[in-house]
Protein backbone atom coordinates (compact mmCIF):
# COMPACT_ATOMS: atom_id res chain seq x y z
CA UNK A 1 0.01 0.00 0.02
CA UNK A 2 1.30 3.39 -0.90
CA UNK A 3 -0.06 6.92 -0.41
CA UNK A 4 -1.26 7.10 -3.99
CA UNK A 5 -3.71 4.20 -3.46
CA UNK A 6 -5.20 5.84 -0.32
CA UNK A 7 -8.19 8.09 -1.20
CA UNK A 8 -9.98 9.06 2.02
CA UNK A 9 -12.50 11.18 0.21
CA UNK A 10 -15.72 11.33 2.20
CA UNK A 11 -18.21 9.61 -0.15
CA UNK A 12 -21.92 9.25 0.55
CA UNK A 13 -24.34 6.62 -0.78
CA UNK A 14 -27.21 9.14 -1.27
CA UNK A 15 -28.70 10.35 -4.46
CA UNK A 16 -28.62 13.99 -5.57
CA UNK A 17 -32.22 14.39 -4.48
CA UNK A 18 -31.34 13.15 -0.92
CA UNK A 19 -28.28 15.41 -0.82
CA UNK A 20 -30.40 18.44 -1.76
CA UNK A 21 -33.04 17.42 0.80
CA UNK A 22 -30.29 17.22 3.43
CA UNK A 23 -29.00 20.73 2.62
CA UNK A 24 -32.51 22.13 2.77
CA UNK A 25 -33.01 20.45 6.12
CA UNK A 26 -29.72 21.82 7.43
CA UNK A 27 -31.02 25.30 6.58
CA UNK A 28 -34.41 24.73 8.28
CA UNK A 29 -32.78 23.00 11.31
CA UNK A 30 -30.31 25.84 11.92
CA UNK A 31 -32.93 28.62 11.54
CA UNK A 32 -36.65 28.02 11.85
CA UNK A 33 -36.33 24.86 13.92
CA UNK A 34 -33.58 26.11 16.27
CA UNK A 35 -35.11 29.44 16.93
CA UNK A 36 -38.70 28.26 17.54
CA UNK A 37 -39.93 28.89 21.11
CA UNK A 38 -39.95 25.87 23.41
CA UNK A 39 -43.74 26.04 23.59
CA UNK A 40 -43.92 25.30 19.82
CA UNK A 41 -43.03 21.60 20.17
CA UNK A 42 -45.76 20.42 17.75
CA UNK A 43 -44.37 22.78 15.13
CA UNK A 44 -40.94 21.11 15.47
CA UNK A 45 -42.51 17.68 15.30
CA UNK A 46 -44.39 18.80 12.19
CA UNK A 47 -41.19 20.08 10.51
CA UNK A 48 -39.50 16.73 11.24
CA UNK A 49 -42.46 14.91 9.83
CA UNK A 50 -42.39 17.10 6.70
CA UNK A 51 -38.77 15.95 6.18
CA UNK A 52 -39.76 12.23 6.51
CA UNK A 53 -39.35 11.49 10.22
CA UNK A 54 -41.74 8.92 11.56
CA UNK A 55 -42.51 10.73 14.80
CA UNK A 56 -45.48 10.66 17.18
CA UNK A 57 -47.22 13.96 17.61
CA UNK A 58 -46.80 13.91 21.42
CA UNK A 59 -43.04 13.59 21.36
CA UNK A 60 -40.96 16.43 22.85
CA UNK A 61 -38.02 17.79 20.79
CA UNK A 62 -35.91 20.57 22.24
CA UNK A 63 -35.23 23.39 19.72
CA UNK A 64 -31.45 22.92 20.07
CA UNK A 65 -31.53 19.24 19.04
CA UNK A 66 -29.71 18.55 15.81
CA UNK A 67 -30.88 15.76 13.60
CA UNK A 68 -28.78 15.20 10.44
CA UNK A 69 -31.34 13.20 8.46
CA UNK A 70 -34.87 13.29 9.83
CA UNK A 71 -36.11 10.73 7.35
CA UNK A 72 -33.99 8.10 9.16
CA UNK A 73 -35.56 8.84 12.59
CA UNK A 74 -38.43 6.97 14.10
CA UNK A 75 -39.77 8.15 17.51
CA UNK A 76 -42.73 6.62 19.25
CA UNK A 77 -45.29 8.18 21.65
CA UNK A 78 -44.25 10.29 24.66
CA UNK A 79 -40.51 10.19 24.00
CA UNK A 80 -38.24 13.22 24.25
CA UNK A 81 -34.94 14.54 22.86
CA UNK A 82 -33.19 16.94 25.27
CA UNK A 83 -31.24 20.16 24.84
CA UNK A 84 -28.25 19.82 22.47
CA UNK A 85 -28.91 16.29 21.43
CA UNK A 86 -27.17 15.25 18.21
CA UNK A 87 -28.32 12.46 15.90
CA UNK A 88 -25.84 11.92 13.06
CA UNK A 89 -26.67 10.40 9.67
CA UNK A 90 -28.07 6.93 10.13
CA UNK A 91 -31.17 4.96 11.21
CA UNK A 92 -32.32 5.63 14.78
CA UNK A 93 -35.42 4.11 16.42
CA UNK A 94 -36.66 5.47 19.79
CA UNK A 95 -39.47 3.51 21.45
CA UNK A 96 -42.33 4.79 23.63
CA UNK A 97 -41.74 6.83 26.80
CA UNK A 98 -37.97 7.22 26.31
CA UNK A 99 -36.04 10.11 27.75
CA UNK A 100 -32.97 11.13 25.74
CA UNK A 101 -31.19 13.62 28.03
CA UNK A 102 -29.31 16.81 27.24
CA UNK A 103 -26.23 16.64 24.97
CA UNK A 104 -26.61 12.96 24.12
CA UNK A 105 -24.94 11.98 20.90
CA UNK A 106 -26.44 9.09 18.83
CA UNK A 107 -23.87 8.19 16.18
CA UNK A 108 -25.27 5.49 13.89
CA UNK A 109 -22.83 6.17 11.08
CA UNK A 110 -19.11 6.02 10.50
CA UNK A 111 -16.61 5.47 7.74
CA UNK A 112 -14.87 2.16 7.00
CA UNK A 113 -11.38 2.78 8.32
CA UNK A 114 -10.06 -0.36 6.65
CA UNK A 115 -10.94 0.81 3.15
CA UNK A 116 -8.72 2.90 0.93
CA UNK A 117 -11.95 4.77 -0.18
CA UNK A 118 -13.16 5.46 3.39
CA UNK A 119 -16.74 4.46 2.48
CA UNK A 120 -19.69 5.60 4.61
CA UNK A 121 -21.32 2.85 6.74
CA UNK A 122 -24.64 2.92 8.55
CA UNK A 123 -25.14 1.13 11.86
CA UNK A 124 -28.69 1.30 13.31
CA UNK A 125 -29.38 2.34 16.84
CA UNK A 126 -32.60 0.82 18.36
CA UNK A 127 -33.68 2.25 21.72
CA UNK A 128 -36.57 0.20 23.09
CA UNK A 129 -39.51 1.40 25.30
CA UNK A 130 -39.00 3.08 28.62
CA UNK A 131 -35.28 3.79 28.39
CA UNK A 132 -33.43 6.74 29.92
CA UNK A 133 -30.28 7.93 28.20
CA UNK A 134 -28.78 10.38 30.72
CA UNK A 135 -26.96 13.65 29.98
CA UNK A 136 -23.80 13.54 27.87
CA UNK A 137 -23.98 9.87 26.80
CA UNK A 138 -22.49 8.80 23.51
CA UNK A 139 -23.97 5.79 21.67
CA UNK A 140 -21.70 4.64 18.87
CA UNK A 141 -22.49 1.13 17.68
CA UNK A 142 -20.01 -1.41 16.25
CA UNK A 143 -20.39 -2.70 12.66
CA UNK A 144 -23.70 -4.53 13.32
CA UNK A 145 -25.67 -1.80 15.15
CA UNK A 146 -26.74 -1.57 18.79
CA UNK A 147 -29.88 -2.28 20.82
CA UNK A 148 -30.66 -0.47 24.06
CA UNK A 149 -33.05 -2.97 25.66
CA UNK A 150 -36.39 -2.04 27.24
CA UNK A 151 -36.29 -0.02 30.48
CA UNK A 152 -32.52 0.36 30.44
CA UNK A 153 -30.80 3.33 32.07
CA UNK A 154 -27.53 4.67 30.70
CA UNK A 155 -25.61 6.80 33.26
CA UNK A 156 -24.45 10.33 32.51
CA UNK A 157 -21.30 10.64 30.37
CA UNK A 158 -21.24 6.94 29.38
CA UNK A 159 -19.96 5.68 26.00
CA UNK A 160 -22.10 2.77 24.83
CA UNK A 161 -20.62 0.45 22.19
CA UNK A 162 -22.50 -2.78 22.93
CA UNK A 163 -26.13 -3.77 23.28
CA UNK A 164 -27.77 -3.87 26.72
CA UNK A 165 -30.16 -6.24 28.45
CA UNK A 166 -33.66 -5.22 29.65
CA UNK A 167 -34.23 -3.59 33.06
CA UNK A 168 -30.56 -2.83 33.59
CA UNK A 169 -28.33 0.15 34.48
CA UNK A 170 -25.09 0.78 32.52
CA UNK A 171 -22.41 3.36 32.98
CA UNK A 172 -18.76 4.22 32.25
CA UNK A 173 -16.48 4.38 29.29
CA UNK A 174 -16.99 1.92 27.81
CA UNK A 175 -20.39 1.37 29.40
CA UNK A 176 -20.60 -1.69 31.61
CA UNK A 177 -23.41 -3.40 33.38
CA UNK A 178 -23.88 -1.88 36.89
CA UNK A 179 -26.98 -3.55 38.24
CA UNK A 180 -30.51 -4.63 37.50
CA UNK A 181 -33.20 -1.90 37.45
CA UNK A 182 -36.16 -2.67 39.69
CA UNK A 183 -39.23 -0.53 38.98
CA UNK A 184 -41.58 -0.07 41.88
CA UNK A 185 -45.29 0.47 41.29
CA UNK A 186 -46.45 3.78 42.71
C-alpha cells in the first residue's frame, strides 16, 4: 500500500435528491427549527415529519436538538430529545416513553477505516420502550448496530458500544453493566 492508493474522500451513498433534501433540512434545522420557542413543540415535530421522520405527535423535541437526516428517525409516543442532542446520519429508532437527556450523541454512522476509499457505513441504533439515556452519553455502535433494551438506564457521560439487556443500568467508558433496574409500582 502506498499513499497514492489511499483516497480518504468522504463519499456518501445518497442520491442527488437526498443530498439536496439534506442541505434544505440543514437550513431549516439551523434557523426556523432552532429558533422556535420551546412552547412550539408540535411545530418542530411537524417540521421533522415534513422531512420524513416517523415521529409521534406527542413527542418532545428541544429546539437545540440537531438531527442530520430526519427521514432516518423513528420516535414513538411520549418520548423526548433533550437540549443539544445530536443524531448523526443513520437509522435511529426510539421507542415509547424514552427520555434522551441533554447533549446525548447518537452516532449510527461512520466510515470504513479499513478501506482505501473510506466508504460511509450505517449502523442502526434501536432504543426500546422506557429507556433513559442520561446527559452527555455517546452511543456509537459497532459494525452490526446496537440495541438499548427495554427500560434500560444509561448513566451520564457513558460511552455505549454494545447492546444492553432489559431492566438494567449501565455506565462508564466503555459502558458496563452496573445492576438490574427494579421498577416499583407507585
